[in-house]
């Protein structure tokens, strides 16, 4: 539905579809969804799923799934993983690093 709403330029339907997708995300499926062929193509979905991933990142099922994904990446099975990893590590860094004070002029 999200893909169709995007193609047809229907922002309200797109928001509803994104909310529906988000409501289906759990610690059991977030890694597979995050690295799916669908997610990396839509920046709003990727950002939303990255946030959900972060919320569940310490769950044992998530860490186990990430080990499997890293193995697939190493075998070259997830060609689009660079897009996902860039956003994922950016989000994790944002949460781990304290904000820097503004530079003095």
Protein backbone atom coordinates (compact mmCIF):
# COMPACT_ATOMS: atom_id res chain seq x y z
CA UNK A 1 0.00 0.00 0.00
CA UNK A 2 2.87 2.37 0.85
CA UNK A 3 4.50 1.80 -2.53
CA UNK A 4 1.21 2.50 -4.32
CA UNK A 5 0.57 5.65 -2.27
CA UNK A 6 4.09 6.84 -3.11
CA UNK A 7 3.59 6.24 -6.84
CA UNK A 8 0.20 7.94 -6.88
CA UNK A 9 1.34 10.87 -4.74
CA UNK A 10 -1.21 10.27 -1.98
CA UNK A 11 0.42 11.58 1.23
CA UNK A 12 -2.46 10.70 3.58
CA UNK A 13 -2.58 7.11 2.35
CA UNK A 14 1.20 6.96 2.58
CA UNK A 15 1.07 8.05 6.24
CA UNK A 16 -1.63 5.48 7.01
CA UNK A 17 0.37 2.74 5.29
CA UNK A 18 3.50 3.73 7.23
CA UNK A 19 1.58 3.64 10.51
CA UNK A 20 0.24 0.22 9.61
CA UNK A 21 3.73 -1.05 8.81
CA UNK A 22 5.06 0.34 12.10
CA UNK A 23 2.29 -1.34 14.10
CA UNK A 24 3.42 -4.72 12.74
CA UNK A 25 7.06 -4.33 13.75
CA UNK A 26 8.31 -6.35 16.71
CA UNK A 27 11.62 -7.49 18.11
CA UNK A 28 11.01 -10.75 16.22
CA UNK A 29 10.82 -9.20 12.76
CA UNK A 30 12.49 -5.78 12.87
CA UNK A 31 15.86 -6.96 11.57
CA UNK A 32 14.38 -8.82 8.59
CA UNK A 33 12.15 -5.85 7.80
CA UNK A 34 14.99 -3.34 8.21
CA UNK A 35 17.17 -5.21 5.71
CA UNK A 36 14.35 -6.05 3.31
CA UNK A 37 14.47 -5.03 -0.32
CA UNK A 38 11.50 -2.71 0.32
CA UNK A 39 12.86 -0.68 3.24
CA UNK A 40 16.04 0.74 1.74
CA UNK A 41 14.10 2.21 -1.19
CA UNK A 42 11.98 4.52 0.99
CA UNK A 43 13.88 6.91 3.29
CA UNK A 44 10.87 7.59 5.55
CA UNK A 45 10.33 3.86 6.10
CA UNK A 46 14.05 3.33 6.67
CA UNK A 47 14.17 6.07 9.32
CA UNK A 48 11.05 4.75 11.05
CA UNK A 49 12.31 1.16 11.08
CA UNK A 50 15.72 2.32 12.31
CA UNK A 51 14.03 3.97 15.28
CA UNK A 52 12.05 0.79 16.01
CA UNK A 53 15.28 -1.22 15.70
CA UNK A 54 16.97 1.05 18.23
CA UNK A 55 14.09 0.57 20.67
CA UNK A 56 14.54 -3.22 20.49
CA UNK A 57 18.30 -3.36 19.88
CA UNK A 58 19.21 -5.04 23.18
CA UNK A 59 16.64 -7.81 22.82
CA UNK A 60 18.36 -11.21 22.37
CA UNK A 61 16.28 -12.03 19.29
CA UNK A 62 17.44 -8.80 17.65
CA UNK A 63 21.11 -9.36 18.41
CA UNK A 64 20.84 -12.93 17.14
CA UNK A 65 19.13 -11.77 13.94
CA UNK A 66 21.85 -9.14 13.43
CA UNK A 67 24.51 -11.87 13.57
CA UNK A 68 22.67 -13.68 10.78
CA UNK A 69 22.39 -10.48 8.75
CA UNK A 70 26.10 -9.71 9.15
CA UNK A 71 26.89 -13.20 7.85
CA UNK A 72 24.65 -12.57 4.82
CA UNK A 73 26.32 -9.20 4.21
CA UNK A 74 29.75 -10.83 4.36
CA UNK A 75 28.62 -13.35 1.73
CA UNK A 76 27.41 -10.52 -0.52
CA UNK A 77 23.77 -11.52 -0.24
CA UNK A 78 22.45 -8.08 0.76
CA UNK A 79 23.70 -5.68 -1.90
CA UNK A 80 21.58 -2.84 -0.53
CA UNK A 81 22.87 -3.22 3.02
CA UNK A 82 25.17 -0.21 2.72
CA UNK A 83 22.16 2.12 2.60
CA UNK A 84 20.63 0.51 5.69
CA UNK A 85 23.89 0.34 7.63
CA UNK A 86 24.66 4.02 6.98
CA UNK A 87 21.33 5.10 8.47
CA UNK A 88 21.47 2.49 11.25
CA UNK A 89 24.95 3.43 12.42
CA UNK A 90 24.11 7.13 12.12
CA UNK A 91 21.13 6.60 14.44
CA UNK A 92 23.13 4.53 16.91
CA UNK A 93 25.92 7.11 16.94
CA UNK A 94 23.37 9.86 17.51
CA UNK A 95 22.08 8.02 20.58
CA UNK A 96 25.53 7.13 21.93
CA UNK A 97 27.39 10.38 21.39
CA UNK A 98 26.50 13.45 23.44
CA UNK A 99 25.67 16.50 21.34
CA UNK A 100 28.61 18.79 20.72
CA UNK A 101 28.39 22.36 21.93
CA UNK A 102 28.24 24.96 19.13
CA UNK A 103 31.60 26.23 17.93
CA UNK A 104 32.62 29.63 19.23
CA UNK A 105 33.19 32.34 16.69
